Protein backbone atom coordinates (compact mmCIF):
# COMPACT_ATOMS: atom_id res chain seq x y z
CA MET A 1 19.74 20.89 -11.69
CA ASP A 2 16.44 22.19 -10.01
CA ILE A 3 14.34 19.08 -8.54
CA PRO A 4 10.99 20.17 -7.53
CA PHE A 5 8.77 18.41 -4.77
CA LEU A 6 6.15 17.99 -7.41
CA ASP A 7 5.83 18.62 -11.49
CA PHE A 8 2.72 19.25 -12.50
CA GLU A 9 3.98 20.34 -15.84
CA LYS A 10 5.07 17.43 -17.30
CA GLN A 11 2.04 15.65 -16.55
CA TYR A 12 0.16 18.45 -18.02
CA LYS A 13 2.06 18.01 -21.19
CA GLU A 14 1.07 14.53 -21.13
CA ILE A 15 -2.50 14.76 -21.24
CA GLU A 16 -2.85 18.24 -22.54
CA LYS A 17 -4.72 17.28 -25.78
CA GLU A 18 -7.16 14.85 -23.91
CA LEU A 19 -8.16 17.73 -21.51
CA LYS A 20 -8.51 20.16 -24.13
CA VAL A 21 -11.01 17.81 -25.80
CA ALA A 22 -12.99 17.55 -22.40
CA LEU A 23 -13.33 20.98 -21.15
CA ALA A 24 -14.28 21.89 -24.73
CA ARG A 25 -17.11 19.28 -24.42
CA ILE A 26 -18.18 21.40 -21.15
CA PHE A 27 -18.07 24.74 -22.71
CA ASP A 28 -20.08 23.76 -25.56
CA ARG A 29 -22.56 22.06 -23.47
CA HIS A 30 -23.08 24.90 -20.85
CA HIS A 31 -23.85 22.59 -18.29
CA TYR A 32 -21.34 23.19 -15.42
CA ILE A 33 -23.27 21.54 -12.22
CA LEU A 34 -24.32 17.94 -11.55
CA GLY A 35 -24.13 17.24 -15.21
CA PRO A 36 -22.76 14.19 -17.59
CA GLU A 37 -19.63 14.90 -16.81
CA LEU A 38 -19.82 14.12 -12.86
CA GLU A 39 -22.30 11.15 -13.42
CA ALA A 40 -19.79 9.63 -16.00
CA PHE A 41 -16.79 9.93 -13.51
CA GLU A 42 -18.71 8.50 -10.73
CA LYS A 43 -19.47 5.62 -12.90
CA GLU A 44 -15.98 5.00 -14.21
CA PHE A 45 -14.55 5.38 -10.59
CA ALA A 46 -16.67 3.09 -9.24
CA LYS A 47 -16.02 0.75 -11.65
CA TYR A 48 -12.14 1.33 -11.19
CA LEU A 49 -12.59 0.65 -7.60
CA GLY A 50 -15.25 -2.22 -7.72
CA VAL A 51 -17.55 -0.86 -5.82
CA LYS A 52 -21.37 -0.09 -6.36
CA TYR A 53 -21.35 3.47 -5.83
CA VAL A 54 -19.68 6.67 -5.73
CA VAL A 55 -20.74 10.21 -5.12
CA GLY A 56 -18.22 13.10 -6.33
CA LEU A 57 -18.03 16.07 -3.70
CA ASN A 58 -16.15 19.11 -3.49
CA SER A 59 -13.30 18.42 -1.12
CA GLY A 60 -11.89 15.04 0.66
CA THR A 61 -12.63 16.67 4.07
CA ASP A 62 -16.34 17.08 3.04
CA ALA A 63 -16.19 13.56 1.86
CA LEU A 64 -14.70 12.17 5.44
CA GLU A 65 -17.65 14.44 7.20
CA PHE A 66 -20.60 12.95 5.10
CA CYS A 67 -19.06 9.63 5.72
CA LEU A 68 -19.79 10.04 9.55
CA ARG A 69 -23.24 11.95 8.83
CA ALA A 70 -24.37 9.21 6.68
CA LEU A 71 -23.66 6.81 9.21
CA ASP A 72 -25.52 9.01 11.86
CA ILE A 73 -22.17 9.36 14.23
CA LYS A 74 -23.33 12.50 16.10
CA LYS A 75 -22.46 14.07 19.60
CA GLY A 76 -21.44 11.93 22.09
CA ASP A 77 -20.35 9.42 19.92
CA GLU A 78 -16.68 8.10 19.65
CA VAL A 79 -14.80 7.64 16.76
CA ILE A 80 -11.04 5.96 16.94
CA THR A 81 -8.44 7.66 14.26
CA PRO A 82 -4.62 7.79 14.13
CA ALA A 83 -2.75 10.36 16.25
CA ASN A 84 -0.34 11.05 13.17
CA SER A 85 -2.48 11.98 10.33
CA TYR A 86 -3.39 15.14 8.36
CA ILE A 87 -5.67 17.19 10.87
CA ALA A 88 -8.48 16.93 8.36
CA THR A 89 -9.29 13.30 9.35
CA SER A 90 -9.73 14.54 13.22
CA LEU A 91 -11.69 17.58 12.10
CA ALA A 92 -14.26 15.99 10.18
CA ILE A 93 -15.14 13.84 13.73
CA SER A 94 -15.31 17.02 15.46
CA TYR A 95 -17.61 18.63 12.65
CA VAL A 96 -20.11 16.17 13.49
CA GLY A 97 -19.84 16.75 17.16
CA ALA A 98 -18.18 13.19 17.89
CA HIS A 99 -15.13 12.71 19.91
CA PRO A 100 -11.93 11.71 18.05
CA VAL A 101 -10.11 9.17 20.23
CA LEU A 102 -6.60 8.90 19.16
CA VAL A 103 -4.28 5.64 18.65
CA ASP A 104 -0.47 5.82 18.28
CA CYS A 105 0.95 4.62 14.97
CA ASP A 106 3.36 1.27 14.35
CA PRO A 107 6.90 2.94 14.34
CA GLU A 108 8.05 0.79 11.13
CA THR A 109 4.76 1.25 9.16
CA TYR A 110 3.57 4.83 10.16
CA GLN A 111 0.27 3.32 10.03
CA VAL A 112 -2.32 3.31 12.94
CA ASP A 113 -1.29 0.69 15.61
CA VAL A 114 -4.15 -2.17 15.24
CA LYS A 115 -3.14 -3.73 18.80
CA GLU A 116 -3.79 -0.23 20.21
CA ILE A 117 -7.21 0.17 18.70
CA GLU A 118 -8.98 -2.56 20.68
CA LYS A 119 -7.94 -1.07 23.98
CA LYS A 120 -9.45 2.15 22.96
CA ILE A 121 -13.07 0.73 22.25
CA THR A 122 -15.74 1.88 24.66
CA LYS A 123 -19.60 1.90 25.15
CA ASN A 124 -19.61 4.88 23.05
CA THR A 125 -17.64 3.99 20.30
CA LYS A 126 -19.28 3.95 17.13
CA ALA A 127 -16.85 3.78 13.99
CA ILE A 128 -13.10 3.47 13.27
CA LEU A 129 -11.54 5.89 11.03
CA PRO A 130 -8.20 4.49 9.93
CA VAL A 131 -5.74 6.19 7.33
CA HIS A 132 -3.74 4.63 4.55
CA LEU A 133 -0.79 6.97 5.14
CA TYR A 134 1.42 8.16 2.46
CA GLY A 135 -0.19 5.97 -0.12
CA SER A 136 0.49 2.38 1.64
CA PRO A 137 -2.02 0.36 3.09
CA CYS A 138 -2.98 0.09 6.90
CA GLU A 139 -3.98 -3.19 8.12
CA ILE A 140 -7.67 -2.65 7.05
CA ASP A 141 -8.22 -6.34 6.98
CA LYS A 142 -7.42 -6.80 10.56
CA ILE A 143 -9.55 -3.51 11.23
CA MET A 144 -12.75 -4.92 9.89
CA ILE A 145 -12.40 -8.19 12.13
CA ILE A 146 -12.31 -5.81 15.02
CA ALA A 147 -15.19 -3.79 13.89
CA LYS A 148 -17.25 -6.69 13.04
CA LYS A 149 -16.19 -8.05 16.58
CA ASN A 150 -17.43 -4.84 18.34
CA LYS A 151 -20.21 -3.87 15.81
CA LEU A 152 -18.53 -0.97 14.75
CA PHE A 153 -18.43 0.92 11.38
CA VAL A 154 -15.37 1.49 9.58
CA ILE A 155 -14.54 4.86 7.36
CA GLU A 156 -11.24 4.26 5.23
CA ASP A 157 -9.49 7.87 4.74
CA THR A 158 -8.16 6.87 1.49
CA ALA A 159 -7.19 10.52 0.31
CA GLN A 160 -3.77 9.42 -0.33
CA ALA A 161 -4.09 5.89 -1.54
CA VAL A 162 -6.22 6.10 -4.94
CA GLY A 163 -5.11 2.61 -6.68
CA ALA A 164 -3.19 1.42 -3.67
CA SER A 165 -4.31 -2.67 -2.51
CA LEU A 166 -4.39 -5.23 0.14
CA HIS A 167 -4.20 -8.69 -0.85
CA GLY A 168 -5.12 -7.84 -4.63
CA LYS A 169 -8.22 -5.62 -3.27
CA LYS A 170 -8.09 -1.79 -3.69
CA LEU A 171 -7.86 0.44 -0.73
CA GLY A 172 -11.43 2.24 -0.03
CA THR A 173 -13.37 -0.62 -0.71
CA PHE A 174 -13.14 -2.55 2.39
CA GLY A 175 -14.91 -0.15 4.97
CA ASN A 176 -18.53 0.56 4.93
CA ILE A 177 -18.11 3.94 3.45
CA ASN A 178 -14.87 5.58 2.55
CA ALA A 179 -13.61 8.86 1.38
CA PHE A 180 -11.30 9.97 -1.36
CA SER A 181 -9.59 13.40 -2.04
CA PHE A 182 -8.55 14.90 -5.24
CA TYR A 183 -6.63 17.82 -4.22
CA PRO A 184 -4.10 18.73 -6.83
CA GLY A 185 -1.30 17.23 -5.24
CA LYS A 186 -2.85 14.13 -4.93
CA ASN A 187 -2.03 10.71 -7.30
CA LEU A 188 -5.45 11.35 -9.01
CA GLY A 189 -5.53 15.07 -8.61
CA ALA A 190 -8.12 17.47 -9.60
CA TYR A 191 -7.13 20.99 -11.01
CA GLY A 192 -8.91 22.54 -7.84
CA ASP A 193 -10.63 21.10 -4.42
CA ALA A 194 -12.33 17.46 -5.23
CA GLY A 195 -13.38 14.48 -3.17
CA ALA A 196 -15.71 11.39 -3.48
CA ILE A 197 -17.19 9.05 -1.28
CA ALA A 198 -17.25 5.36 -2.23
CA THR A 199 -19.80 2.69 -1.07
CA ASP A 200 -21.57 -0.92 -2.03
CA SER A 201 -24.57 0.60 0.50
CA LYS A 202 -27.51 2.19 -1.61
CA GLU A 203 -28.80 3.69 1.57
CA LEU A 204 -25.64 5.47 2.43
CA TYR A 205 -25.19 6.57 -1.32
CA GLU A 206 -28.42 8.27 -1.04
CA LYS A 207 -27.92 9.91 2.26
CA VAL A 208 -24.65 11.34 0.72
CA LYS A 209 -26.36 12.37 -2.37
CA LEU A 210 -29.12 14.22 -0.43
CA LEU A 211 -26.15 15.85 1.92
CA ARG A 212 -23.89 17.46 -0.70
CA ASN A 213 -26.91 19.24 -2.32
CA TYR A 214 -28.72 21.17 0.32
CA GLY A 215 -30.50 17.95 1.44
CA GLU A 216 -32.77 18.44 -1.65
CA THR A 217 -34.79 15.44 -3.24
CA LYS A 218 -36.04 17.82 -5.58
CA LYS A 219 -35.68 21.46 -6.71
CA TYR A 220 -36.87 23.39 -3.84
CA HIS A 221 -37.77 20.28 -1.93
CA HIS A 222 -35.28 19.58 1.46
CA VAL A 223 -35.29 16.67 3.79
CA ALA A 224 -32.19 16.83 5.51
CA PHE A 225 -29.49 19.73 6.52
CA GLY A 226 -27.18 19.31 3.55
CA ARG A 227 -25.18 22.05 1.99
CA ASN A 228 -23.42 22.78 -1.27
CA SER A 229 -20.52 20.12 -1.79
CA ARG A 230 -21.05 19.29 -5.18
CA LEU A 231 -18.14 18.19 -7.46
CA ASP A 232 -18.38 20.50 -10.68
CA GLU A 233 -18.26 19.30 -14.37
CA VAL A 234 -14.60 20.76 -15.13
CA GLN A 235 -13.18 18.91 -12.23
CA ALA A 236 -15.12 15.88 -13.26
CA ALA A 237 -13.85 16.01 -16.67
CA VAL A 238 -10.35 16.69 -15.56
CA LEU A 239 -10.58 13.45 -13.43
CA ARG A 240 -12.18 11.49 -16.34
CA VAL A 241 -9.03 11.87 -18.22
CA LYS A 242 -6.41 11.19 -15.43
CA LEU A 243 -8.43 8.09 -14.06
CA LYS A 244 -7.44 6.20 -17.73
CA TYR A 245 -3.54 6.91 -16.41
CA ILE A 246 -3.67 6.23 -12.63
CA ASP A 247 -2.26 2.93 -12.84
CA LYS A 248 0.23 3.87 -15.23
CA TRP A 249 1.46 6.52 -12.93
CA ASN A 250 1.25 4.51 -10.10
CA LYS A 251 3.54 1.70 -11.29
CA ALA A 252 5.91 4.59 -12.64
CA ARG A 253 6.17 5.75 -8.69
CA ASN A 254 6.55 2.16 -7.52
CA LYS A 255 9.27 1.74 -10.12
CA LEU A 256 11.16 5.17 -8.46
CA ALA A 257 10.43 4.01 -5.35
CA LEU A 258 12.52 0.86 -6.04
CA GLU A 259 15.32 3.02 -7.15
CA TYR A 260 15.07 4.89 -3.95
CA ILE A 261 15.54 1.73 -1.69
CA LYS A 262 18.58 0.49 -3.45
CA ASN A 263 20.05 3.78 -3.17
CA LEU A 264 19.22 4.53 0.49
CA LYS A 265 20.04 1.09 1.99
CA GLY A 266 20.93 1.70 5.66
CA ILE A 267 18.35 4.64 6.03
CA LYS A 268 15.02 3.85 7.76
CA LEU A 269 12.16 4.10 5.37
CA GLN A 270 8.21 3.14 5.69
CA LYS A 271 7.46 -0.59 5.86
CA ILE A 272 4.94 -1.77 3.44
CA ILE A 273 2.86 -4.61 5.26
CA SER A 274 2.84 -7.75 3.67
CA GLY A 275 0.60 -8.16 0.60
CA GLY A 276 0.13 -4.35 0.38
CA ILE A 277 1.06 -2.45 -2.77
CA SER A 278 1.72 1.27 -2.33
CA ASN A 279 0.76 3.84 -4.75
CA TYR A 280 3.94 6.03 -2.98
CA HIS A 281 1.77 9.10 -2.93
CA LEU A 282 4.71 10.16 -0.69
CA PHE A 283 8.09 8.70 -0.35
CA VAL A 284 9.54 9.55 3.06
CA ILE A 285 12.62 8.50 4.98
CA GLU A 286 13.55 9.31 8.66
CA ALA A 287 16.19 12.00 9.40
CA LYS A 288 17.19 12.41 13.16
CA ASN A 289 18.93 15.70 12.19
CA ARG A 290 15.99 16.76 9.80
CA LYS A 291 16.12 20.58 9.81
CA LYS A 292 19.99 20.46 8.38
CA MET A 293 19.44 17.61 5.96
CA GLN A 294 16.55 19.41 4.48
CA ALA A 295 18.59 22.79 4.55
CA LEU A 296 21.41 21.02 2.52
CA LEU A 297 18.83 19.56 -0.28
CA GLU A 298 17.25 22.61 -0.60
CA LYS A 299 21.01 24.40 -1.14
CA ASN A 300 21.65 22.03 -3.92
CA THR A 301 17.99 22.73 -5.15
CA ILE A 302 16.08 19.51 -4.26
CA HIS A 303 12.83 20.41 -3.01
CA THR A 304 11.27 18.47 -0.15
CA LEU A 305 8.50 18.74 2.32
CA ILE A 306 7.43 17.36 5.78
CA HIS A 307 4.04 15.37 6.33
CA TYR A 308 3.35 15.94 9.42
CA PRO A 309 5.39 18.17 11.81
CA ILE A 310 2.74 18.18 14.28
CA PRO A 311 0.98 15.29 15.35
CA ILE A 312 -2.83 15.79 16.20
CA HIS A 313 -2.70 15.64 19.97
CA LEU A 314 -0.15 18.47 20.31
CA GLN A 315 -1.79 20.94 17.85
CA LYS A 316 -3.89 24.23 19.30
CA THR A 317 -7.16 23.03 18.14
CA TYR A 318 -7.35 19.80 20.18
CA THR A 319 -6.18 20.96 23.41
CA TYR A 320 -9.50 20.07 24.74
CA LEU A 321 -8.53 16.56 24.46
CA LYS A 322 -5.85 17.24 27.25
CA HIS A 323 -3.25 14.96 25.81
CA LYS A 324 0.57 15.70 26.69
CA SER A 325 3.49 15.22 25.17
CA GLY A 326 4.87 11.61 25.46
CA ASP A 327 1.06 10.38 24.91
CA PHE A 328 1.73 8.87 21.48
CA PRO A 329 5.58 8.50 21.36
CA HIS A 330 5.85 6.99 18.03
CA SER A 331 3.54 9.49 16.43
CA GLU A 332 5.94 12.27 18.16
CA ILE A 333 9.28 10.82 17.02
CA ILE A 334 7.88 10.18 13.27
CA ALA A 335 6.55 14.47 13.22
CA LYS A 336 9.91 15.43 14.14
CA GLN A 337 12.33 12.89 11.90
CA ILE A 338 9.75 12.39 8.65
CA LEU A 339 11.02 14.00 5.50
CA SER A 340 9.16 13.87 2.27
CA LEU A 341 11.14 13.42 -0.96
CA PRO A 342 10.42 14.37 -4.19
CA MET A 343 7.92 11.76 -6.13
CA TYR A 344 6.03 12.28 -9.36
CA PRO A 345 5.92 9.97 -12.25
CA SER A 346 8.23 11.98 -14.44
CA LEU A 347 10.98 12.07 -11.74
CA THR A 348 14.17 10.62 -13.69
CA SER A 349 16.84 7.84 -12.23
CA SER A 350 19.31 10.53 -12.50
CA GLN A 351 17.37 12.95 -10.21
CA ILE A 352 17.06 10.45 -7.90
CA LYS A 353 20.61 9.42 -7.70
CA MET A 354 21.55 13.47 -7.12
CA ILE A 355 19.17 13.20 -4.19
CA THR A 356 20.50 10.40 -2.69
CA LYS A 357 23.72 11.22 -3.16
CA HIS A 358 23.29 14.61 -1.10
CA ILE A 359 21.32 12.34 1.39
CA LYS A 360 24.24 9.72 1.72
CA TYR A 361 26.82 12.83 1.80
CA PHE A 362 25.02 14.39 4.86
CA LEU A 363 24.99 11.35 6.91
CA GLN A 364 28.62 10.51 6.30
């Protein structure tokens, strides 16, 4: 039984007819950029989240950068962010000339350690950029309190957490302006690169709209140093179809996560904070002998991935930050031990039993 890490085919078959209708609409209309599909998706996604404004962009990385630029974060400013995220989070800070100030994670939740955030605030700190890692919520409510107390902006990196929530409020709606990714492997994935920002601020919304289209107010009239970062009509149409299914798919992931949890008693898993609902974008376990476990699973045609094997402070790109091994011990341990298991709505109970059987056999 071959168990892929992701299964795009079954999801496609489920929505194939709707996708073909949506794409035919575009090809009949011959409007491919900044058209009615994008406008409709932005309104529908804003309604789904419960925010006033959404701007579709061409990637989650651009979404992070444009959030920072809309807040006028620039050279000399500091932005606090976790050390154990995907590098795009820190790169966005670097792109605007600001300085990423790294914080270790909580060893149980793998989310940014809120207790460490206040220790890193200086006169140059302008924003906090937390990540909802693996699709579960960080303590964003506590982060908002810290930000308000210190007059800082908050940008949520919600790239992995579409549909997840904390105390009944969807993630990506707490901060001043928040970033989403629709990379194909995400719970709400396009068929190419795609992203968006969400905000309740009309001012920030208008700024990002300018930035995504060459800083243009009307054709050939440019008032800002923007660039081409438009979410095209094809991807918007795909996302409109998939958005109708996201809650159903996330519920399926939660049900599968419960099966994993039941079958993996005694193995360290990510702790979900009180009041939080994960979308289980990833289901991760800790394995002290990860390389051998992964090899055994692969031998039995069970495909896994590692998210992420090198923390930000140990990446060659960030040697200028002058961190060393041991500076963020929890992030470093997780980087060496985390293993991501197959997780997608069409995964079956029998497949989970097969996966967990081999894991338990390895740990005997």
